[in-house]
Full PDB file with SEQRES, HELIX, SHEET, SSBOND, CRYST1, ORIGX, SCALE, CONECT and MASTER records, all heavy atoms in Angstrom:
SEQRES   1 A   33  HIS ASN LEU SER LYS ASP LEU THR ARG ILE SER VAL PRO          
SEQRES   2 A   33  THR LEU LEU VAL TRP GLY LEU ASN ASP THR ILE THR PRO          
SEQRES   3 A   33  PRO PRO VAL ALA HIS GLU PHE                                  
HELIX    1 AA1 LEU A    7  ARG A    9  5                                   3    
HELIX    2 AA2 PRO A   27  GLU A   32  1                                   6    
CRYST1    1.000    1.000    1.000  90.00  90.00  90.00 P 1           1          
ORIGX1      1.000000  0.000000  0.000000        0.00000                         
ORIGX2      0.000000  1.000000  0.000000        0.00000                         
ORIGX3      0.000000  0.000000  1.000000        0.00000                         
SCALE1      1.000000  0.000000  0.000000        0.00000                         
SCALE2      0.000000  1.000000  0.000000        0.00000                         
SCALE3      0.000000  0.000000  1.000000        0.00000                         
ATOM      1  N   HIS A   1    -108.459 -76.588 -90.409  1.00  0.00           N  
ATOM      2  CA  HIS A   1    -107.079 -76.304 -89.833  1.00  0.00           C  
ATOM      3  C   HIS A   1    -106.741 -74.889 -90.109  1.00  0.00           C  
ATOM      4  O   HIS A   1    -105.707 -74.561 -90.822  1.00  0.00           O  
ATOM      5  CB  HIS A   1    -106.059 -77.278 -90.349  1.00  0.00           C  
ATOM      6  CG  HIS A   1    -106.141 -78.712 -89.709  1.00  0.00           C  
ATOM      7  ND1 HIS A   1    -107.032 -79.546 -90.196  1.00  0.00           N  
ATOM      8  CD2 HIS A   1    -105.541 -79.221 -88.635  1.00  0.00           C  
ATOM      9  CE1 HIS A   1    -106.941 -80.726 -89.457  1.00  0.00           C  
ATOM     10  NE2 HIS A   1    -106.092 -80.493 -88.553  1.00  0.00           N  
ATOM     11  N   ASN A   2    -107.480 -73.907 -89.525  1.00  0.00           N  
ATOM     12  CA  ASN A   2    -107.180 -72.499 -89.678  1.00  0.00           C  
ATOM     13  C   ASN A   2    -105.998 -72.253 -88.751  1.00  0.00           C  
ATOM     14  O   ASN A   2    -105.902 -72.635 -87.630  1.00  0.00           O  
ATOM     15  CB  ASN A   2    -108.436 -71.672 -89.334  1.00  0.00           C  
ATOM     16  CG  ASN A   2    -108.196 -70.164 -89.542  1.00  0.00           C  
ATOM     17  OD1 ASN A   2    -107.447 -69.516 -88.814  1.00  0.00           O  
ATOM     18  ND2 ASN A   2    -108.816 -69.660 -90.557  1.00  0.00           N  
ATOM     19  N   LEU A   3    -104.991 -71.484 -89.297  1.00  0.00           N  
ATOM     20  CA  LEU A   3    -103.747 -71.245 -88.620  1.00  0.00           C  
ATOM     21  C   LEU A   3    -103.587 -69.946 -87.994  1.00  0.00           C  
ATOM     22  O   LEU A   3    -102.479 -69.521 -87.600  1.00  0.00           O  
ATOM     23  CB  LEU A   3    -102.581 -71.558 -89.605  1.00  0.00           C  
ATOM     24  CG  LEU A   3    -102.499 -72.959 -90.214  1.00  0.00           C  
ATOM     25  CD1 LEU A   3    -101.327 -73.055 -91.183  1.00  0.00           C  
ATOM     26  CD2 LEU A   3    -102.313 -73.988 -89.149  1.00  0.00           C  
ATOM     27  N   SER A   4    -104.666 -69.147 -87.978  1.00  0.00           N  
ATOM     28  CA  SER A   4    -104.582 -67.770 -87.503  1.00  0.00           C  
ATOM     29  C   SER A   4    -103.996 -67.628 -86.165  1.00  0.00           C  
ATOM     30  O   SER A   4    -103.291 -66.587 -85.823  1.00  0.00           O  
ATOM     31  CB  SER A   4    -105.958 -67.050 -87.603  1.00  0.00           C  
ATOM     32  OG  SER A   4    -106.878 -67.778 -86.789  1.00  0.00           O  
ATOM     33  N   LYS A   5    -104.236 -68.596 -85.276  1.00  0.00           N  
ATOM     34  CA  LYS A   5    -103.695 -68.535 -83.938  1.00  0.00           C  
ATOM     35  C   LYS A   5    -102.284 -69.081 -83.744  1.00  0.00           C  
ATOM     36  O   LYS A   5    -101.665 -68.958 -82.715  1.00  0.00           O  
ATOM     37  CB  LYS A   5    -104.670 -69.278 -82.952  1.00  0.00           C  
ATOM     38  CG  LYS A   5    -106.039 -68.661 -82.827  1.00  0.00           C  
ATOM     39  CD  LYS A   5    -106.853 -69.430 -81.872  1.00  0.00           C  
ATOM     40  CE  LYS A   5    -108.281 -68.846 -81.720  1.00  0.00           C  
ATOM     41  NZ  LYS A   5    -109.198 -69.625 -80.838  1.00  0.00           N  
ATOM     42  N   ASP A   6    -101.721 -69.676 -84.861  1.00  0.00           N  
ATOM     43  CA  ASP A   6    -100.427 -70.287 -84.774  1.00  0.00           C  
ATOM     44  C   ASP A   6     -99.304 -69.597 -85.501  1.00  0.00           C  
ATOM     45  O   ASP A   6     -98.151 -69.833 -85.259  1.00  0.00           O  
ATOM     46  CB  ASP A   6    -100.516 -71.726 -85.383  1.00  0.00           C  
ATOM     47  CG  ASP A   6    -101.555 -72.539 -84.606  1.00  0.00           C  
ATOM     48  OD1 ASP A   6    -101.468 -72.667 -83.369  1.00  0.00           O  
ATOM     49  OD2 ASP A   6    -102.470 -73.146 -85.267  1.00  0.00           O  
ATOM     50  N   LEU A   7     -99.785 -68.662 -86.433  1.00  0.00           N  
ATOM     51  CA  LEU A   7     -98.690 -68.085 -87.372  1.00  0.00           C  
ATOM     52  C   LEU A   7     -97.768 -67.186 -86.622  1.00  0.00           C  
ATOM     53  O   LEU A   7     -96.650 -66.963 -87.212  1.00  0.00           O  
ATOM     54  CB  LEU A   7     -99.447 -67.377 -88.500  1.00  0.00           C  
ATOM     55  CG  LEU A   7    -100.243 -68.186 -89.476  1.00  0.00           C  
ATOM     56  CD1 LEU A   7    -100.903 -67.330 -90.530  1.00  0.00           C  
ATOM     57  CD2 LEU A   7     -99.355 -69.242 -90.143  1.00  0.00           C  
ATOM     58  N   THR A   8     -98.083 -66.659 -85.485  1.00  0.00           N  
ATOM     59  CA  THR A   8     -97.136 -65.821 -84.791  1.00  0.00           C  
ATOM     60  C   THR A   8     -95.903 -66.647 -84.254  1.00  0.00           C  
ATOM     61  O   THR A   8     -94.940 -66.068 -83.896  1.00  0.00           O  
ATOM     62  CB  THR A   8     -97.856 -65.133 -83.569  1.00  0.00           C  
ATOM     63  OG1 THR A   8     -98.431 -66.218 -82.827  1.00  0.00           O  
ATOM     64  CG2 THR A   8     -98.874 -64.190 -84.044  1.00  0.00           C  
ATOM     65  N   ARG A   9     -96.007 -67.941 -84.359  1.00  0.00           N  
ATOM     66  CA  ARG A   9     -94.865 -68.843 -83.909  1.00  0.00           C  
ATOM     67  C   ARG A   9     -93.909 -69.067 -85.070  1.00  0.00           C  
ATOM     68  O   ARG A   9     -92.846 -69.638 -84.852  1.00  0.00           O  
ATOM     69  CB  ARG A   9     -95.418 -70.209 -83.402  1.00  0.00           C  
ATOM     70  CG  ARG A   9     -96.194 -70.045 -82.110  1.00  0.00           C  
ATOM     71  CD  ARG A   9     -96.354 -71.331 -81.414  1.00  0.00           C  
ATOM     72  NE  ARG A   9     -97.357 -72.234 -82.112  1.00  0.00           N  
ATOM     73  CZ  ARG A   9     -97.055 -73.375 -82.655  1.00  0.00           C  
ATOM     74  NH1 ARG A   9     -95.873 -73.844 -82.723  1.00  0.00           N  
ATOM     75  NH2 ARG A   9     -98.044 -74.140 -83.169  1.00  0.00           N  
ATOM     76  N   ILE A  10     -94.230 -68.664 -86.326  1.00  0.00           N  
ATOM     77  CA  ILE A  10     -93.338 -68.814 -87.411  1.00  0.00           C  
ATOM     78  C   ILE A  10     -92.240 -67.714 -87.262  1.00  0.00           C  
ATOM     79  O   ILE A  10     -92.430 -66.537 -87.235  1.00  0.00           O  
ATOM     80  CB  ILE A  10     -94.002 -68.563 -88.736  1.00  0.00           C  
ATOM     81  CG1 ILE A  10     -95.094 -69.676 -88.950  1.00  0.00           C  
ATOM     82  CG2 ILE A  10     -93.053 -68.546 -89.908  1.00  0.00           C  
ATOM     83  CD1 ILE A  10     -94.558 -71.022 -89.231  1.00  0.00           C  
ATOM     84  N   SER A  11     -90.976 -68.205 -87.174  1.00  0.00           N  
ATOM     85  CA  SER A  11     -89.825 -67.279 -86.917  1.00  0.00           C  
ATOM     86  C   SER A  11     -88.811 -67.226 -88.021  1.00  0.00           C  
ATOM     87  O   SER A  11     -87.871 -66.390 -88.026  1.00  0.00           O  
ATOM     88  CB  SER A  11     -89.180 -67.604 -85.588  1.00  0.00           C  
ATOM     89  OG  SER A  11     -88.658 -68.864 -85.639  1.00  0.00           O  
ATOM     90  N   VAL A  12     -88.952 -68.097 -89.005  1.00  0.00           N  
ATOM     91  CA  VAL A  12     -87.935 -68.192 -90.141  1.00  0.00           C  
ATOM     92  C   VAL A  12     -88.287 -67.086 -91.091  1.00  0.00           C  
ATOM     93  O   VAL A  12     -89.390 -66.637 -91.219  1.00  0.00           O  
ATOM     94  CB  VAL A  12     -87.891 -69.514 -90.770  1.00  0.00           C  
ATOM     95  CG1 VAL A  12     -87.489 -70.620 -89.846  1.00  0.00           C  
ATOM     96  CG2 VAL A  12     -89.281 -69.880 -91.389  1.00  0.00           C  
ATOM     97  N   PRO A  13     -87.246 -66.619 -91.975  1.00  0.00           N  
ATOM     98  CA  PRO A  13     -87.574 -65.675 -92.943  1.00  0.00           C  
ATOM     99  C   PRO A  13     -88.661 -66.262 -93.885  1.00  0.00           C  
ATOM    100  O   PRO A  13     -88.621 -67.435 -94.295  1.00  0.00           O  
ATOM    101  CB  PRO A  13     -86.222 -65.535 -93.668  1.00  0.00           C  
ATOM    102  CG  PRO A  13     -85.231 -65.948 -92.738  1.00  0.00           C  
ATOM    103  CD  PRO A  13     -85.851 -66.965 -91.925  1.00  0.00           C  
ATOM    104  N   THR A  14     -89.650 -65.351 -94.163  1.00  0.00           N  
ATOM    105  CA  THR A  14     -90.825 -65.792 -94.998  1.00  0.00           C  
ATOM    106  C   THR A  14     -91.089 -64.775 -96.080  1.00  0.00           C  
ATOM    107  O   THR A  14     -91.191 -63.593 -95.802  1.00  0.00           O  
ATOM    108  CB  THR A  14     -92.068 -65.902 -94.093  1.00  0.00           C  
ATOM    109  OG1 THR A  14     -91.777 -66.869 -93.070  1.00  0.00           O  
ATOM    110  CG2 THR A  14     -93.241 -66.448 -94.885  1.00  0.00           C  
ATOM    111  N   LEU A  15     -91.275 -65.354 -97.289  1.00  0.00           N  
ATOM    112  CA  LEU A  15     -91.637 -64.479 -98.449  1.00  0.00           C  
ATOM    113  C   LEU A  15     -93.026 -64.891 -98.845  1.00  0.00           C  
ATOM    114  O   LEU A  15     -93.348 -66.078 -99.036  1.00  0.00           O  
ATOM    115  CB  LEU A  15     -90.622 -64.710 -99.579  1.00  0.00           C  
ATOM    116  CG  LEU A  15     -91.026 -64.080-100.953  1.00  0.00           C  
ATOM    117  CD1 LEU A  15     -90.949 -62.546-100.856  1.00  0.00           C  
ATOM    118  CD2 LEU A  15     -90.083 -64.588-102.054  1.00  0.00           C  
ATOM    119  N   LEU A  16     -93.925 -63.897 -99.109  1.00  0.00           N  
ATOM    120  CA  LEU A  16     -95.255 -64.063 -99.544  1.00  0.00           C  
ATOM    121  C   LEU A  16     -95.300 -63.444-100.955  1.00  0.00           C  
ATOM    122  O   LEU A  16     -95.099 -62.230-101.139  1.00  0.00           O  
ATOM    123  CB  LEU A  16     -96.277 -63.423 -98.659  1.00  0.00           C  
ATOM    124  CG  LEU A  16     -96.176 -63.698 -97.163  1.00  0.00           C  
ATOM    125  CD1 LEU A  16     -96.998 -62.774 -96.356  1.00  0.00           C  
ATOM    126  CD2 LEU A  16     -96.548 -65.122 -96.899  1.00  0.00           C  
ATOM    127  N   VAL A  17     -95.613 -64.230-101.996  1.00  0.00           N  
ATOM    128  CA  VAL A  17     -95.892 -63.766-103.333  1.00  0.00           C  
ATOM    129  C   VAL A  17     -97.252 -64.012-103.751  1.00  0.00           C  
ATOM    130  O   VAL A  17     -97.644 -65.230-103.849  1.00  0.00           O  
ATOM    131  CB  VAL A  17     -94.843 -64.406-104.318  1.00  0.00           C  
ATOM    132  CG1 VAL A  17     -94.987 -63.755-105.761  1.00  0.00           C  
ATOM    133  CG2 VAL A  17     -93.349 -64.247-103.869  1.00  0.00           C  
ATOM    134  N   TRP A  18     -97.957 -63.014-104.074  1.00  0.00           N  
ATOM    135  CA  TRP A  18     -99.459 -63.189-104.323  1.00  0.00           C  
ATOM    136  C   TRP A  18     -99.846 -62.489-105.630  1.00  0.00           C  
ATOM    137  O   TRP A  18     -99.288 -61.463-106.036  1.00  0.00           O  
ATOM    138  CB  TRP A  18    -100.189 -62.512-103.155  1.00  0.00           C  
ATOM    139  CG  TRP A  18    -101.117 -63.379-102.474  1.00  0.00           C  
ATOM    140  CD1 TRP A  18    -102.450 -63.515-102.588  1.00  0.00           C  
ATOM    141  CD2 TRP A  18    -100.764 -64.342-101.448  1.00  0.00           C  
ATOM    142  NE1 TRP A  18    -102.971 -64.446-101.736  1.00  0.00           N  
ATOM    143  CE2 TRP A  18    -101.923 -64.994-100.997  1.00  0.00           C  
ATOM    144  CE3 TRP A  18     -99.577 -64.690-100.870  1.00  0.00           C  
ATOM    145  CZ2 TRP A  18    -101.986 -66.004-100.036  1.00  0.00           C  
ATOM    146  CZ3 TRP A  18     -99.593 -65.758 -99.910  1.00  0.00           C  
ATOM    147  CH2 TRP A  18    -100.747 -66.337 -99.510  1.00  0.00           C  
ATOM    148  N   GLY A  19    -100.815 -63.177-106.233  1.00  0.00           N  
ATOM    149  CA  GLY A  19    -101.418 -62.467-107.427  1.00  0.00           C  
ATOM    150  C   GLY A  19    -102.453 -61.476-107.015  1.00  0.00           C  
ATOM    151  O   GLY A  19    -103.335 -61.740-106.163  1.00  0.00           O  
ATOM    152  N   LEU A  20    -102.387 -60.250-107.529  1.00  0.00           N  
ATOM    153  CA  LEU A  20    -103.341 -59.230-107.179  1.00  0.00           C  
ATOM    154  C   LEU A  20    -104.759 -59.624-107.615  1.00  0.00           C  
ATOM    155  O   LEU A  20    -105.715 -59.092-107.096  1.00  0.00           O  
ATOM    156  CB  LEU A  20    -102.973 -57.866-107.842  1.00  0.00           C  
ATOM    157  CG  LEU A  20    -102.101 -56.950-107.053  1.00  0.00           C  
ATOM    158  CD1 LEU A  20    -101.700 -55.690-107.857  1.00  0.00           C  
ATOM    159  CD2 LEU A  20    -102.840 -56.551-105.802  1.00  0.00           C  
ATOM    160  N   ASN A  21    -104.877 -60.500-108.522  1.00  0.00           N  
ATOM    161  CA  ASN A  21    -106.154 -60.968-109.119  1.00  0.00           C  
ATOM    162  C   ASN A  21    -106.598 -62.339-108.652  1.00  0.00           C  
ATOM    163  O   ASN A  21    -107.388 -63.004-109.212  1.00  0.00           O  
ATOM    164  CB  ASN A  21    -106.111 -60.837-110.654  1.00  0.00           C  
ATOM    165  CG  ASN A  21    -105.568 -59.523-111.137  1.00  0.00           C  
ATOM    166  OD1 ASN A  21    -104.372 -59.483-111.455  1.00  0.00           O  
ATOM    167  ND2 ASN A  21    -106.413 -58.526-111.165  1.00  0.00           N  
ATOM    168  N   ASP A  22    -105.914 -62.812-107.572  1.00  0.00           N  
ATOM    169  CA  ASP A  22    -106.237 -64.104-106.988  1.00  0.00           C  
ATOM    170  C   ASP A  22    -107.649 -64.030-106.390  1.00  0.00           C  
ATOM    171  O   ASP A  22    -107.924 -63.207-105.470  1.00  0.00           O  
ATOM    172  CB  ASP A  22    -105.240 -64.455-105.879  1.00  0.00           C  
ATOM    173  CG  ASP A  22    -105.352 -65.847-105.365  1.00  0.00           C  
ATOM    174  OD1 ASP A  22    -106.429 -66.469-105.511  1.00  0.00           O  
ATOM    175  OD2 ASP A  22    -104.382 -66.362-104.746  1.00  0.00           O  
ATOM    176  N   THR A  23    -108.598 -64.816-106.874  1.00  0.00           N  
ATOM    177  CA  THR A  23    -109.919 -64.904-106.386  1.00  0.00           C  
ATOM    178  C   THR A  23    -110.158 -66.064-105.418  1.00  0.00           C  
ATOM    179  O   THR A  23    -111.206 -66.196-104.887  1.00  0.00           O  
ATOM    180  CB  THR A  23    -110.905 -64.906-107.479  1.00  0.00           C  
ATOM    181  OG1 THR A  23    -110.646 -66.071-108.337  1.00  0.00           O  
ATOM    182  CG2 THR A  23    -110.963 -63.663-108.269  1.00  0.00           C  
ATOM    183  N   ILE A  24    -109.178 -66.974-105.329  1.00  0.00           N  
ATOM    184  CA  ILE A  24    -109.255 -68.086-104.463  1.00  0.00           C  
ATOM    185  C   ILE A  24    -108.689 -67.831-103.012  1.00  0.00           C  
ATOM    186  O   ILE A  24    -109.432 -68.122-101.995  1.00  0.00           O  
ATOM    187  CB  ILE A  24    -108.549 -69.349-105.039  1.00  0.00           C  
ATOM    188  CG1 ILE A  24    -109.207 -69.703-106.363  1.00  0.00           C  
ATOM    189  CG2 ILE A  24    -108.496 -70.562-104.105  1.00  0.00           C  
ATOM    190  CD1 ILE A  24    -108.544 -70.735-107.121  1.00  0.00           C  
ATOM    191  N   THR A  25    -107.571 -67.176-102.952  1.00  0.00           N  
ATOM    192  CA  THR A  25    -107.056 -66.682-101.708  1.00  0.00           C  
ATOM    193  C   THR A  25    -106.746 -65.116-101.990  1.00  0.00           C  
ATOM    194  O   THR A  25    -105.642 -64.778-102.371  1.00  0.00           O  
ATOM    195  CB  THR A  25    -105.705 -67.324-101.277  1.00  0.00           C  
ATOM    196  OG1 THR A  25    -104.762 -67.459-102.344  1.00  0.00           O  
ATOM    197  CG2 THR A  25    -106.067 -68.734-100.729  1.00  0.00           C  
ATOM    198  N   PRO A  26    -107.807 -64.314-101.894  1.00  0.00           N  
ATOM    199  CA  PRO A  26    -107.661 -62.904-102.384  1.00  0.00           C  
ATOM    200  C   PRO A  26    -106.532 -62.137-101.627  1.00  0.00           C  
ATOM    201  O   PRO A  26    -106.054 -62.594-100.545  1.00  0.00           O  
ATOM    202  CB  PRO A  26    -109.037 -62.373-102.070  1.00  0.00           C  
ATOM    203  CG  PRO A  26    -109.929 -63.517-101.945  1.00  0.00           C  
ATOM    204  CD  PRO A  26    -109.092 -64.630-101.385  1.00  0.00           C  
ATOM    205  N   PRO A  27    -106.142 -60.943-102.157  1.00  0.00           N  
ATOM    206  CA  PRO A  27    -105.070 -60.130-101.529  1.00  0.00           C  
ATOM    207  C   PRO A  27    -105.270 -59.857-100.064  1.00  0.00           C  
ATOM    208  O   PRO A  27    -104.326 -59.866 -99.389  1.00  0.00           O  
ATOM    209  CB  PRO A  27    -105.123 -58.829-102.399  1.00  0.00           C  
ATOM    210  CG  PRO A  27    -105.585 -59.302-103.776  1.00  0.00           C  
ATOM    211  CD  PRO A  27    -106.610 -60.404-103.487  1.00  0.00           C  
ATOM    212  N   PRO A  28    -106.506 -59.673 -99.504  1.00  0.00           N  
ATOM    213  CA  PRO A  28    -106.593 -59.468 -98.109  1.00  0.00           C  
ATOM    214  C   PRO A  28    -106.063 -60.640 -97.258  1.00  0.00           C  
ATOM    215  O   PRO A  28    -105.604 -60.505 -96.170  1.00  0.00           O  
ATOM    216  CB  PRO A  28    -108.092 -59.277 -97.784  1.00  0.00           C  
ATOM    217  CG  PRO A  28    -108.625 -58.768 -99.099  1.00  0.00           C  
ATOM    218  CD  PRO A  28    -107.786 -59.428-100.203  1.00  0.00           C  
ATOM    219  N   VAL A  29    -106.155 -61.865 -97.868  1.00  0.00           N  
ATOM    220  CA  VAL A  29    -105.568 -63.061 -97.173  1.00  0.00           C  
ATOM    221  C   VAL A  29    -104.024 -62.853 -97.080  1.00  0.00           C  
ATOM    222  O   VAL A  29    -103.418 -63.149 -96.019  1.00  0.00           O  
ATOM    223  CB  VAL A  29    -105.890 -64.302 -97.920  1.00  0.00           C  
ATOM    224  CG1 VAL A  29    -105.240 -65.543 -97.270  1.00  0.00           C  
ATOM    225  CG2 VAL A  29    -107.397 -64.542 -98.013  1.00  0.00           C  
ATOM    226  N   ALA A  30    -103.416 -62.427 -98.170  1.00  0.00           N  
ATOM    227  CA  ALA A  30    -101.978 -62.134 -98.110  1.00  0.00           C  
ATOM    228  C   ALA A  30    -101.577 -61.145 -97.054  1.00  0.00           C  
ATOM    229  O   ALA A  30    -100.599 -61.327 -96.344  1.00  0.00           O  
ATOM    230  CB  ALA A  30    -101.542 -61.677 -99.552  1.00  0.00           C  
ATOM    231  N   HIS A  31    -102.339 -60.022 -96.985  1.00  0.00           N  
ATOM    232  CA  HIS A  31    -102.090 -59.065 -95.998  1.00  0.00           C  
ATOM    233  C   HIS A  31    -102.215 -59.644 -94.599  1.00  0.00           C  
ATOM    234  O   HIS A  31    -101.453 -59.273 -93.681  1.00  0.00           O  
ATOM    235  CB  HIS A  31    -102.988 -57.877 -96.162  1.00  0.00           C  
ATOM    236  CG  HIS A  31    -102.675 -56.991 -97.273  1.00  0.00           C  
ATOM    237  ND1 HIS A  31    -101.515 -56.207 -97.329  1.00  0.00           N  
ATOM    238  CD2 HIS A  31    -103.363 -56.694 -98.458  1.00  0.00           C  
ATOM    239  CE1 HIS A  31    -101.514 -55.521 -98.439  1.00  0.00           C  
ATOM    240  NE2 HIS A  31    -102.560 -55.802 -99.145  1.00  0.00           N  
ATOM    241  N   GLU A  32    -103.158 -60.521 -94.331  1.00  0.00           N  
ATOM    242  CA  GLU A  32    -103.343 -61.101 -93.008  1.00  0.00           C  
ATOM    243  C   GLU A  32    -102.138 -62.130 -92.724  1.00  0.00           C  
ATOM    244  O   GLU A  32    -101.568 -62.100 -91.568  1.00  0.00           O  
ATOM    245  CB  GLU A  32    -104.650 -61.898 -92.947  1.00  0.00           C  
ATOM    246  CG  GLU A  32    -104.943 -62.462 -91.607  1.00  0.00           C  
ATOM    247  CD  GLU A  32    -105.253 -61.406 -90.561  1.00  0.00           C  
ATOM    248  OE1 GLU A  32    -105.167 -60.242 -90.839  1.00  0.00           O  
ATOM    249  OE2 GLU A  32    -105.472 -61.806 -89.346  1.00  0.00           O  
ATOM    250  N   PHE A  33    -101.686 -62.896 -93.653  1.00  0.00           N  
ATOM    251  CA  PHE A  33    -100.469 -63.619 -93.483  1.00  0.00           C  
ATOM    252  C   PHE A  33     -99.267 -62.724 -93.152  1.00  0.00           C  
ATOM    253  O   PHE A  33     -98.532 -63.045 -92.196  1.00  0.00           O  
ATOM    254  CB  PHE A  33    -100.117 -64.442 -94.769  1.00  0.00           C  
ATOM    255  CG  PHE A  33    -100.802 -65.769 -94.909  1.00  0.00           C  
ATOM    256  CD1 PHE A  33    -101.664 -66.039 -95.889  1.00  0.00           C  
ATOM    257  CD2 PHE A  33    -100.476 -66.815 -93.939  1.00  0.00           C  
ATOM    258  CE1 PHE A  33    -102.220 -67.266 -96.024  1.00  0.00           C  
ATOM    259  CE2 PHE A  33    -101.025 -68.043 -94.064  1.00  0.00           C  
ATOM    260  CZ  PHE A  33    -101.948 -68.292 -95.086  1.00  0.00           C  
TER     261      PHE A  33                                                      
MASTER        0    0    0    2    0    0    0    6  260    1    0    3          
END                                                                             
């Protein structure tokens, strides 16, 4: 269930808080969100 084609439909205020040392969902994933 990859959401890359659906996320543009999210319209509510959204905060992303990420660990710079996250190796499971690394920082490039946060940038893509």
